[in-house]
Amino acid sequence: MNAASSTAPPVLLPSHQHRLRRASLVCSPLVLRPRPSLSISSSLFGHRRSRPPDPKSSSHGRNLELTVDPGAIAAQASAAAGRLRRSSEESLRRFLSAGEEAYHDLRTSVRVDRSRNRVVFSCRESSLLFVSNLFLWSFVAVLAARALVWLGLGFRSRWRFGDWSLIRRDRSLGGREVVVGRRFRGRDWNKKSFTVSRSPLSPVRGTDLKTVENVAKIQREKQEKLPKWWPDSIPAPVIGTGKQDYQREVDRLVRAIMDYRMSGKDYRYDDIIQLREICKVSGARASFETANARDSFFRASVDFVLNSCSRAIIPSDKPQIGGEDVRQFIAGLADNIGLTNSRAITLVSAAVAARTRSCFLQCWAFEVQGKRAEALEELLKICHIHQTFPPEEHSAEMEMVGSGLKRHLTIEQRKHLLSLYKETCGADDHRSIVEALGLER
């Protein structure tokens, strides 16, 4: 009986079973995992029961190890890139396959039922889904591209260094570069200063009022900044009645001038004089079809006036055209054809600059050939023109002439032309000639 009792398993109570289960869970073996590529090991994470801590040891003596395995990182990155490439290739293959199927399906999706006189459209649902997805994602891609461009331009304008200017070439100045716009770094004060109120009935703010006053002041200064040779006023017309007949005559003359020009011939000076006389007497206005035709007619008139100035006998003479001073003639003609004062002055200044340059080059050509009389005659033409239409000080036109002559003539040759000009004209003020020859320095 004792043997039986010794071999029989002991009877366990439920509380004992619960304790044994908890013990088995606690004492279960640990699962070992592979060591990662990046690991940190320190004595802080060692087994606490391996040895008792030394109270004399300090925390400064503990070691911190950082282990980096580049090979494992490169392998993981290469594996990720390979998976991404394979998935991209698979997605692209499926997309192309779906597109090809949709294309072949939509080619035969429309058919005409002649028996019932109707057009039948039938296709698969996958084709419609492909077309709709293609349209949707194309729209999203366009919006995203526009947003990126907008953000890029905004970032560039906000963080760019320095100011920038918008430069264009002015053909009326012979191709000289002029600044037509400007933007400042940081904040665009021009844009803020020219803002207007949204409602026209809202009261004008102080900044807006100041802006309007500045614009009016600038326009007033531009209008008042006329050269000294420009006439102060234009005489009133002599005839006050019967303007319709004169207007018809002016219109007929303008049509004849344009027809003569369209035939490939130059403007006739008699037509220019006749048009000015009719408009001066009656106050009629000449109207051209385009602004280019009007400017071309005025340029021809300016050339005619400059030729008249060049034929003066002595510089002190005041050349006239049709009994009228050439300055009054050209200013009145600009008013008769509807040309603004600023535009007319620009065209006259450009013509004076072009004539000055050509006369200087022709003078030097005669001087090289030994024809001193012809060379002095060219200098007299420049003298007459500059006394009739004197250029402004430091004008852009004379600067353009000087830069052009520097490429053709040396400084000694230009000094020689200046000495010849002083001997020929004998004028005290040679400022414009010095600027035209590029000798102001």
Protein backbone atom coordinates (compact mmCIF):
# COMPACT_ATOMS: atom_id res chain seq x y z
CA MET A 1 0.00 0.00 0.00
CA ASN A 2 2.86 2.28 0.66
CA ALA A 3 4.33 1.31 -2.70
CA ALA A 4 1.08 2.10 -4.42
CA SER A 5 0.82 5.38 -2.73
CA SER A 6 4.39 6.28 -3.65
CA THR A 7 3.88 5.53 -7.37
CA ALA A 8 0.46 7.18 -7.68
CA PRO A 9 0.53 10.77 -8.97
CA PRO A 10 -0.33 13.34 -6.43
CA VAL A 11 -3.75 14.85 -6.55
CA LEU A 12 -3.56 18.59 -7.26
CA LEU A 13 -6.12 21.07 -6.17
CA PRO A 14 -7.39 23.77 -8.59
CA SER A 15 -5.38 26.44 -6.77
CA HIS A 16 -2.23 24.36 -7.22
CA GLN A 17 -2.97 23.93 -10.95
CA HIS A 18 -3.31 27.68 -11.34
CA ARG A 19 0.01 28.30 -9.65
CA LEU A 20 1.77 25.69 -11.77
CA ARG A 21 0.30 27.28 -14.95
CA ARG A 22 1.62 30.69 -13.94
CA ALA A 23 4.99 29.17 -13.16
CA SER A 24 5.13 27.50 -16.55
CA LEU A 25 4.35 30.80 -18.26
CA VAL A 26 7.03 32.59 -16.33
CA CYS A 27 9.64 29.93 -16.93
CA SER A 28 8.88 29.51 -20.65
CA PRO A 29 12.01 29.69 -22.84
CA LEU A 30 12.83 33.00 -24.56
CA VAL A 31 12.53 33.26 -28.37
CA LEU A 32 15.78 34.41 -29.97
CA ARG A 33 15.46 36.98 -32.80
CA PRO A 34 18.08 38.02 -35.34
CA ARG A 35 20.20 41.01 -34.41
CA PRO A 36 19.28 44.20 -36.28
CA SER A 37 21.74 46.09 -38.40
CA LEU A 38 21.73 49.07 -36.03
CA SER A 39 22.14 48.16 -32.38
CA ILE A 40 23.10 49.99 -29.19
CA SER A 41 24.72 48.04 -26.40
CA SER A 42 25.65 49.41 -23.01
CA SER A 43 26.49 48.21 -19.55
CA LEU A 44 23.25 49.75 -18.40
CA PHE A 45 21.34 46.94 -20.11
CA GLY A 46 23.40 44.09 -18.63
CA HIS A 47 22.08 41.41 -16.30
CA ARG A 48 21.50 42.87 -12.91
CA ARG A 49 22.08 39.56 -11.12
CA SER A 50 25.40 38.77 -12.80
CA ARG A 51 27.29 40.64 -10.14
CA PRO A 52 26.43 43.12 -7.46
CA PRO A 53 26.93 46.78 -8.41
CA ASP A 54 30.04 48.45 -7.19
CA PRO A 55 29.14 51.51 -5.14
CA LYS A 56 32.55 53.03 -5.82
CA SER A 57 32.10 52.93 -9.61
CA SER A 58 30.93 56.13 -11.30
CA SER A 59 28.50 56.63 -14.14
CA HIS A 60 31.33 58.15 -16.25
CA GLY A 61 32.96 54.76 -16.58
CA ARG A 62 30.05 53.17 -18.48
CA ASN A 63 30.50 52.41 -22.18
CA LEU A 64 28.05 53.24 -25.03
CA GLU A 65 28.55 51.35 -28.28
CA LEU A 66 26.91 52.28 -31.63
CA THR A 67 27.09 49.62 -34.32
CA VAL A 68 26.20 50.46 -37.96
CA ASP A 69 26.25 47.78 -40.64
CA PRO A 70 26.42 49.54 -44.07
CA GLY A 71 26.21 46.25 -45.91
CA ALA A 72 22.90 45.35 -44.26
CA ILE A 73 21.51 48.85 -44.87
CA ALA A 74 22.57 48.73 -48.53
CA ALA A 75 21.06 45.28 -48.90
CA GLN A 76 17.75 46.42 -47.42
CA ALA A 77 17.72 49.54 -49.62
CA SER A 78 18.53 47.48 -52.71
CA ALA A 79 15.78 45.02 -51.84
CA ALA A 80 13.27 47.85 -51.32
CA ALA A 81 14.30 49.46 -54.63
CA GLY A 82 13.96 46.12 -56.40
CA ARG A 83 10.48 45.60 -54.99
CA LEU A 84 9.48 49.12 -55.97
CA ARG A 85 10.83 48.65 -59.49
CA ARG A 86 9.07 45.33 -59.94
CA SER A 87 5.80 46.76 -58.65
CA SER A 88 6.15 49.80 -60.93
CA GLU A 89 6.86 47.63 -63.93
CA GLU A 90 3.89 45.45 -63.12
CA SER A 91 1.62 48.48 -62.69
CA LEU A 92 2.84 49.99 -65.95
CA ARG A 93 2.34 46.68 -67.73
CA ARG A 94 -1.20 46.41 -66.44
CA PHE A 95 -1.89 50.05 -67.41
CA LEU A 96 -0.62 49.55 -70.95
CA SER A 97 -2.50 46.30 -71.29
CA ALA A 98 -5.71 47.95 -70.08
CA GLY A 99 -5.14 50.87 -72.46
CA GLU A 100 -4.62 48.56 -75.40
CA GLU A 101 -7.75 46.59 -74.57
CA ALA A 102 -9.76 49.80 -74.15
CA TYR A 103 -8.45 51.14 -77.47
CA HIS A 104 -9.42 48.01 -79.37
CA ASP A 105 -12.76 47.91 -77.60
CA LEU A 106 -13.63 51.55 -78.29
CA ARG A 107 -12.68 51.23 -81.94
CA THR A 108 -15.65 48.92 -82.48
CA SER A 109 -17.94 50.44 -79.87
CA VAL A 110 -20.01 52.47 -82.31
CA ARG A 111 -22.14 50.80 -84.93
CA VAL A 112 -25.03 51.93 -87.09
CA ASP A 113 -28.24 49.95 -87.00
CA ARG A 114 -29.70 50.59 -90.44
CA SER A 115 -32.76 48.46 -89.81
CA ARG A 116 -33.93 50.75 -87.01
CA ASN A 117 -32.11 53.93 -88.13
CA ARG A 118 -30.14 54.39 -84.96
CA VAL A 119 -26.58 54.55 -83.71
CA VAL A 120 -25.64 52.05 -81.02
CA PHE A 121 -22.74 52.53 -78.65
CA SER A 122 -21.63 49.52 -76.66
CA CYS A 123 -18.39 48.86 -74.82
CA ARG A 124 -17.10 47.09 -71.78
CA GLU A 125 -17.21 48.59 -68.34
CA SER A 126 -13.43 48.32 -68.01
CA SER A 127 -12.97 50.56 -71.04
CA LEU A 128 -15.16 53.27 -69.55
CA LEU A 129 -13.31 53.00 -66.25
CA PHE A 130 -9.96 53.31 -68.01
CA VAL A 131 -11.01 56.41 -69.96
CA SER A 132 -12.52 58.08 -66.90
CA ASN A 133 -9.44 57.32 -64.77
CA LEU A 134 -7.14 58.57 -67.51
CA PHE A 135 -9.06 61.84 -67.77
CA LEU A 136 -9.23 62.29 -64.01
CA TRP A 137 -5.54 61.64 -63.36
CA SER A 138 -4.53 63.82 -66.31
CA PHE A 139 -6.55 66.67 -64.81
CA VAL A 140 -4.94 66.09 -61.41
CA ALA A 141 -1.46 66.01 -62.96
CA VAL A 142 -2.06 69.31 -64.78
CA LEU A 143 -3.30 70.95 -61.59
CA ALA A 144 -0.32 69.64 -59.64
CA ALA A 145 2.10 70.91 -62.28
CA ARG A 146 0.50 74.35 -62.27
CA ALA A 147 0.63 74.45 -58.47
CA LEU A 148 4.32 73.52 -58.46
CA VAL A 149 5.11 76.17 -61.06
CA TRP A 150 3.18 78.77 -59.08
CA LEU A 151 4.97 77.83 -55.87
CA GLY A 152 8.33 77.85 -57.60
CA LEU A 153 7.78 81.30 -59.09
CA GLY A 154 6.53 82.65 -55.76
CA PHE A 155 9.52 81.22 -53.91
CA ARG A 156 11.87 82.63 -56.50
CA SER A 157 10.37 86.13 -56.41
CA ARG A 158 10.32 86.17 -52.61
CA TRP A 159 13.84 84.90 -51.97
CA ARG A 160 15.71 86.30 -54.94
CA PHE A 161 18.65 88.56 -54.09
CA GLY A 162 18.74 92.11 -55.35
CA ASP A 163 16.37 93.91 -57.68
CA TRP A 164 15.70 93.17 -61.31
CA SER A 165 14.70 95.39 -64.17
CA LEU A 166 12.78 94.66 -67.35
CA ILE A 167 14.88 96.00 -70.23
CA ARG A 168 13.73 96.40 -73.81
CA ARG A 169 15.23 98.03 -76.89
CA ASP A 170 13.60 101.21 -78.15
CA ARG A 171 13.60 101.36 -81.95
CA SER A 172 12.95 105.10 -81.91
CA LEU A 173 16.28 105.52 -80.10
CA GLY A 174 18.18 103.38 -82.56
CA GLY A 175 17.99 100.19 -80.51
CA ARG A 176 19.12 101.68 -77.22
CA GLU A 177 18.18 99.61 -74.16
CA VAL A 178 15.69 101.26 -71.85
CA VAL A 179 14.12 100.13 -68.57
CA VAL A 180 10.38 99.55 -68.93
CA GLY A 181 9.70 97.88 -65.55
CA ARG A 182 11.23 97.29 -62.14
CA ARG A 183 10.62 95.02 -59.17
CA PHE A 184 12.10 95.30 -55.70
CA ARG A 185 13.18 92.52 -53.38
CA GLY A 186 11.23 91.96 -50.18
CA ARG A 187 7.99 93.71 -50.99
CA ASP A 188 6.58 95.08 -54.16
CA TRP A 189 5.71 98.60 -53.12
CA ASN A 190 4.65 99.57 -56.62
CA LYS A 191 1.86 97.02 -56.53
CA LYS A 192 0.71 98.18 -53.11
CA SER A 193 0.84 101.86 -53.96
CA PHE A 194 -1.36 101.48 -57.02
CA THR A 195 -4.15 99.50 -55.41
CA VAL A 196 -7.59 101.03 -55.72
CA SER A 197 -10.71 100.44 -53.70
CA ARG A 198 -13.02 97.68 -54.80
CA SER A 199 -16.13 99.82 -54.80
CA PRO A 200 -16.17 103.06 -56.80
CA LEU A 201 -18.45 104.60 -54.18
CA SER A 202 -16.09 103.88 -51.28
CA PRO A 203 -14.12 106.85 -49.91
CA VAL A 204 -10.62 107.39 -51.25
CA ARG A 205 -7.97 106.34 -48.77
CA GLY A 206 -4.92 108.41 -47.96
CA THR A 207 -2.51 106.13 -49.81
CA ASP A 208 -4.72 106.04 -52.90
CA LEU A 209 -5.09 109.82 -52.89
CA LYS A 210 -1.34 110.21 -52.57
CA THR A 211 -0.83 107.78 -55.46
CA VAL A 212 -3.25 109.67 -57.70
CA GLU A 213 -1.51 112.94 -56.89
CA ASN A 214 1.89 111.41 -57.69
CA VAL A 215 0.66 110.05 -61.03
CA ALA A 216 -0.85 113.43 -61.94
CA LYS A 217 2.38 115.15 -60.94
CA ILE A 218 4.47 112.81 -63.07
CA GLN A 219 2.20 113.33 -66.07
CA ARG A 220 2.32 117.09 -65.57
CA GLU A 221 6.11 117.01 -65.41
CA LYS A 222 6.25 114.96 -68.60
CA GLN A 223 3.97 117.39 -70.37
CA GLU A 224 5.91 120.41 -69.14
CA LYS A 225 9.30 118.90 -69.95
CA LEU A 226 9.46 120.07 -73.53
CA PRO A 227 12.67 121.07 -75.29
CA LYS A 228 13.47 124.73 -75.63
CA TRP A 229 13.02 124.72 -79.39
CA TRP A 230 9.42 123.42 -79.19
CA PRO A 231 6.90 126.26 -79.79
CA ASP A 232 4.89 127.41 -76.82
CA SER A 233 1.63 127.63 -78.78
CA ILE A 234 0.18 126.90 -82.18
CA PRO A 235 -1.66 129.72 -83.98
CA ALA A 236 -5.40 129.35 -84.35
CA PRO A 237 -6.93 128.66 -87.79
CA VAL A 238 -7.78 131.65 -89.95
CA ILE A 239 -11.08 130.42 -91.44
CA GLY A 240 -13.87 129.67 -88.97
CA THR A 241 -16.59 128.56 -91.41
CA GLY A 242 -16.77 126.06 -94.22
CA LYS A 243 -14.56 123.50 -92.53
CA GLN A 244 -16.35 120.57 -94.16
CA ASP A 245 -15.02 121.42 -97.61
CA TYR A 246 -11.51 121.74 -96.28
CA GLN A 247 -11.88 118.46 -94.37
CA ARG A 248 -12.90 116.67 -97.56
CA GLU A 249 -9.92 118.17 -99.32
CA VAL A 250 -7.60 116.98 -96.54
CA ASP A 251 -9.06 113.47 -96.67
CA ARG A 252 -8.61 113.38 -100.45
CA LEU A 253 -5.02 114.54 -100.10
CA VAL A 254 -4.27 111.90 -97.45
CA ARG A 255 -5.66 109.14 -99.71
CA ALA A 256 -3.55 110.40 -102.59
CA ILE A 257 -0.45 110.45 -100.38
CA MET A 258 -1.02 106.89 -99.20
CA ASP A 259 -1.76 105.61 -102.71
CA TYR A 260 1.41 107.23 -103.97
CA ARG A 261 3.31 105.64 -101.11
CA MET A 262 1.80 102.19 -101.67
CA SER A 263 3.00 102.31 -105.27
CA GLY A 264 6.57 102.14 -103.93
CA LYS A 265 7.46 105.83 -104.26
CA ASP A 266 8.65 108.27 -101.62
CA TYR A 267 6.57 111.02 -100.09
CA ARG A 268 6.43 114.22 -102.10
CA TYR A 269 7.40 117.38 -100.29
CA ASP A 270 4.73 119.38 -102.12
CA ASP A 271 2.03 117.16 -100.59
CA ILE A 272 3.49 117.72 -97.11
CA ILE A 273 3.48 121.49 -97.58
CA GLN A 274 -0.03 121.50 -99.05
CA LEU A 275 -1.41 119.38 -96.19
CA ARG A 276 0.10 121.71 -93.60
CA GLU A 277 -1.24 124.84 -95.32
CA ILE A 278 -4.80 123.52 -95.56
CA CYS A 279 -4.84 122.36 -91.94
CA LYS A 280 -3.25 125.62 -90.74
CA VAL A 281 -5.86 127.74 -92.47
CA SER A 282 -8.98 125.70 -91.77
CA GLY A 283 -8.12 123.76 -88.63
CA ALA A 284 -8.93 120.42 -90.29
CA ARG A 285 -7.34 117.21 -89.04
CA ALA A 286 -5.64 114.58 -91.18
CA SER A 287 -6.49 110.99 -90.26
CA PHE A 288 -4.38 108.01 -91.26
CA GLU A 289 -5.54 104.40 -91.22
CA THR A 290 -2.80 103.14 -88.89
CA ALA A 291 -0.36 104.64 -86.41
CA ASN A 292 2.56 103.27 -88.42
CA ALA A 293 1.40 105.13 -91.53
CA ARG A 294 1.07 108.33 -89.52
CA ASP A 295 4.55 107.95 -87.98
CA SER A 296 6.05 107.16 -91.38
CA PHE A 297 4.52 110.33 -92.84
CA PHE A 298 5.85 112.40 -89.94
CA ARG A 299 9.36 110.93 -90.29
CA ALA A 300 9.36 111.91 -93.95
CA SER A 301 8.28 115.41 -92.94
CA VAL A 302 11.11 115.63 -90.39
CA ASP A 303 13.63 114.58 -93.05
CA PHE A 304 12.24 117.28 -95.31
CA VAL A 305 12.67 119.85 -92.53
CA LEU A 306 16.24 118.74 -91.80
CA ASN A 307 17.11 119.02 -95.48
CA SER A 308 15.76 122.54 -95.44
CA CYS A 309 17.93 123.35 -92.43
CA SER A 310 21.01 121.90 -94.11
CA ARG A 311 20.59 124.19 -97.11
CA ALA A 312 20.85 127.37 -95.03
CA ILE A 313 23.59 129.72 -96.15
CA ILE A 314 24.89 130.76 -92.73
CA PRO A 315 24.14 129.24 -89.31
CA SER A 316 22.40 132.39 -88.10
CA ASP A 317 19.69 132.13 -90.76
CA LYS A 318 16.31 130.80 -89.69
CA PRO A 319 15.07 128.43 -92.38
CA GLN A 320 11.39 128.60 -93.29
CA ILE A 321 8.96 126.37 -95.12
CA GLY A 322 5.99 127.98 -96.82
CA GLY A 323 6.61 131.24 -95.01
CA GLU A 324 6.60 129.48 -91.63
CA ASP A 325 9.46 128.74 -89.28
CA VAL A 326 10.57 125.11 -89.46
CA ARG A 327 9.97 124.60 -85.72
CA GLN A 328 6.47 125.96 -85.99
CA PHE A 329 5.95 123.93 -89.15
CA ILE A 330 6.91 120.59 -87.63
CA ALA A 331 5.02 121.23 -84.37
CA GLY A 332 1.89 122.33 -86.21
CA LEU A 333 2.07 119.34 -88.56
CA ALA A 334 2.29 116.97 -85.59
CA ASP A 335 -0.87 118.57 -84.18
CA ASN A 336 -2.63 118.36 -87.56
CA ILE A 337 -2.10 114.61 -87.92
CA GLY A 338 -3.00 113.83 -84.27
CA LEU A 339 0.51 113.11 -82.99
CA THR A 340 1.28 113.83 -79.34
CA ASN A 341 4.02 116.28 -78.44
CA SER A 342 6.14 113.65 -76.69
CA ARG A 343 5.99 111.27 -79.63
CA ALA A 344 6.78 114.04 -82.11
CA ILE A 345 9.76 115.21 -80.03
CA THR A 346 11.07 111.65 -79.85
CA LEU A 347 10.89 111.23 -83.62
CA VAL A 348 12.58 114.58 -84.23
CA SER A 349 15.38 113.81 -81.74
CA ALA A 350 15.98 110.41 -83.31
CA ALA A 351 16.13 111.95 -86.79
CA VAL A 352 18.61 114.61 -85.60
CA ALA A 353 20.81 111.91 -84.07
CA ALA A 354 20.75 109.80 -87.23
CA ARG A 355 21.58 112.81 -89.41
CA THR A 356 24.42 113.83 -87.09
CA ARG A 357 25.99 110.40 -87.25
CA SER A 358 25.76 110.13 -91.04
CA CYS A 359 27.19 113.63 -91.55
CA PHE A 360 30.17 112.93 -89.28
CA LEU A 361 30.98 109.68 -91.08
CA GLN A 362 30.63 111.37 -94.47
CA CYS A 363 32.82 114.25 -93.30
CA TRP A 364 35.58 111.87 -92.28
CA ALA A 365 35.30 110.01 -95.59
CA PHE A 366 35.81 113.30 -97.47
CA GLU A 367 38.68 114.21 -95.15
CA VAL A 368 40.45 110.92 -95.89
CA GLN A 369 39.99 111.52 -99.63
CA GLY A 370 41.49 114.98 -99.29
CA LYS A 371 38.24 116.82 -100.09
CA ARG A 372 38.36 119.43 -97.37
CA ALA A 373 35.61 121.64 -98.85
CA GLU A 374 33.08 118.81 -98.96
CA ALA A 375 34.05 117.77 -95.43
CA LEU A 376 33.45 121.27 -94.10
CA GLU A 377 30.10 121.35 -95.89
CA GLU A 378 29.00 118.27 -93.96
CA LEU A 379 30.04 119.95 -90.73
CA LEU A 380 27.98 123.02 -91.67
CA LYS A 381 24.92 120.79 -92.06
CA ILE A 382 25.43 119.50 -88.51
CA CYS A 383 25.84 123.04 -87.27
CA HIS A 384 22.60 124.23 -88.87
CA ILE A 385 20.62 121.26 -87.59
CA HIS A 386 21.90 121.53 -84.03
CA GLN A 387 21.22 125.25 -83.91
CA THR A 388 17.65 124.70 -85.11
CA PHE A 389 16.92 121.61 -82.99
CA PRO A 390 19.49 121.66 -80.16
CA PRO A 391 19.65 118.30 -78.33
CA GLU A 392 19.10 118.17 -74.61
CA GLU A 393 22.07 117.90 -72.31
CA HIS A 394 23.20 114.29 -71.77
CA SER A 395 20.51 113.09 -74.13
CA ALA A 396 20.22 109.42 -74.93
CA GLU A 397 20.30 110.13 -78.65
CA MET A 398 23.70 111.85 -78.54
CA GLU A 399 25.01 109.09 -76.30
CA MET A 400 23.91 106.59 -78.92
CA VAL A 401 25.69 108.57 -81.64
CA GLY A 402 28.89 108.72 -79.58
CA SER A 403 28.89 104.97 -78.90
CA GLY A 404 28.38 104.33 -82.62
CA LEU A 405 31.21 106.63 -83.73
CA LYS A 406 33.60 105.06 -81.22
CA ARG A 407 33.38 101.80 -83.16
CA HIS A 408 34.32 103.49 -86.47
CA LEU A 409 36.68 106.31 -85.52
CA THR A 410 39.56 106.49 -83.09
CA ILE A 411 39.80 109.15 -80.41
CA GLU A 412 42.39 111.11 -82.43
CA GLN A 413 40.13 111.12 -85.47
CA ARG A 414 37.17 112.32 -83.43
CA LYS A 415 39.27 115.06 -81.85
CA HIS A 416 40.27 116.14 -85.33
CA LEU A 417 36.62 116.37 -86.36
CA LEU A 418 35.88 118.47 -83.28
CA SER A 419 38.67 120.90 -84.13
CA LEU A 420 37.37 121.19 -87.70
CA TYR A 421 33.88 121.83 -86.40
CA LYS A 422 35.09 124.64 -84.13
CA GLU A 423 36.97 126.26 -86.99
CA THR A 424 33.99 126.01 -89.32
CA CYS A 425 31.06 127.00 -87.12
CA GLY A 426 32.84 129.16 -84.58
CA ALA A 427 30.09 128.66 -82.00
CA ASP A 428 30.88 128.89 -78.32
CA ASP A 429 28.61 126.03 -77.19
CA HIS A 430 29.92 122.71 -78.49
CA ARG A 431 28.32 120.55 -75.81
CA SER A 432 26.09 118.53 -78.12
CA ILE A 433 28.92 117.99 -80.60
CA VAL A 434 31.28 116.83 -77.86
CA GLU A 435 28.63 114.35 -76.66
CA ALA A 436 27.99 113.17 -80.23
CA LEU A 437 31.69 112.49 -80.75
CA GLY A 438 32.00 110.68 -77.42
CA LEU A 439 34.56 113.13 -76.03
CA GLU A 440 32.70 114.30 -72.95
CA ARG A 441 35.22 112.54 -70.69
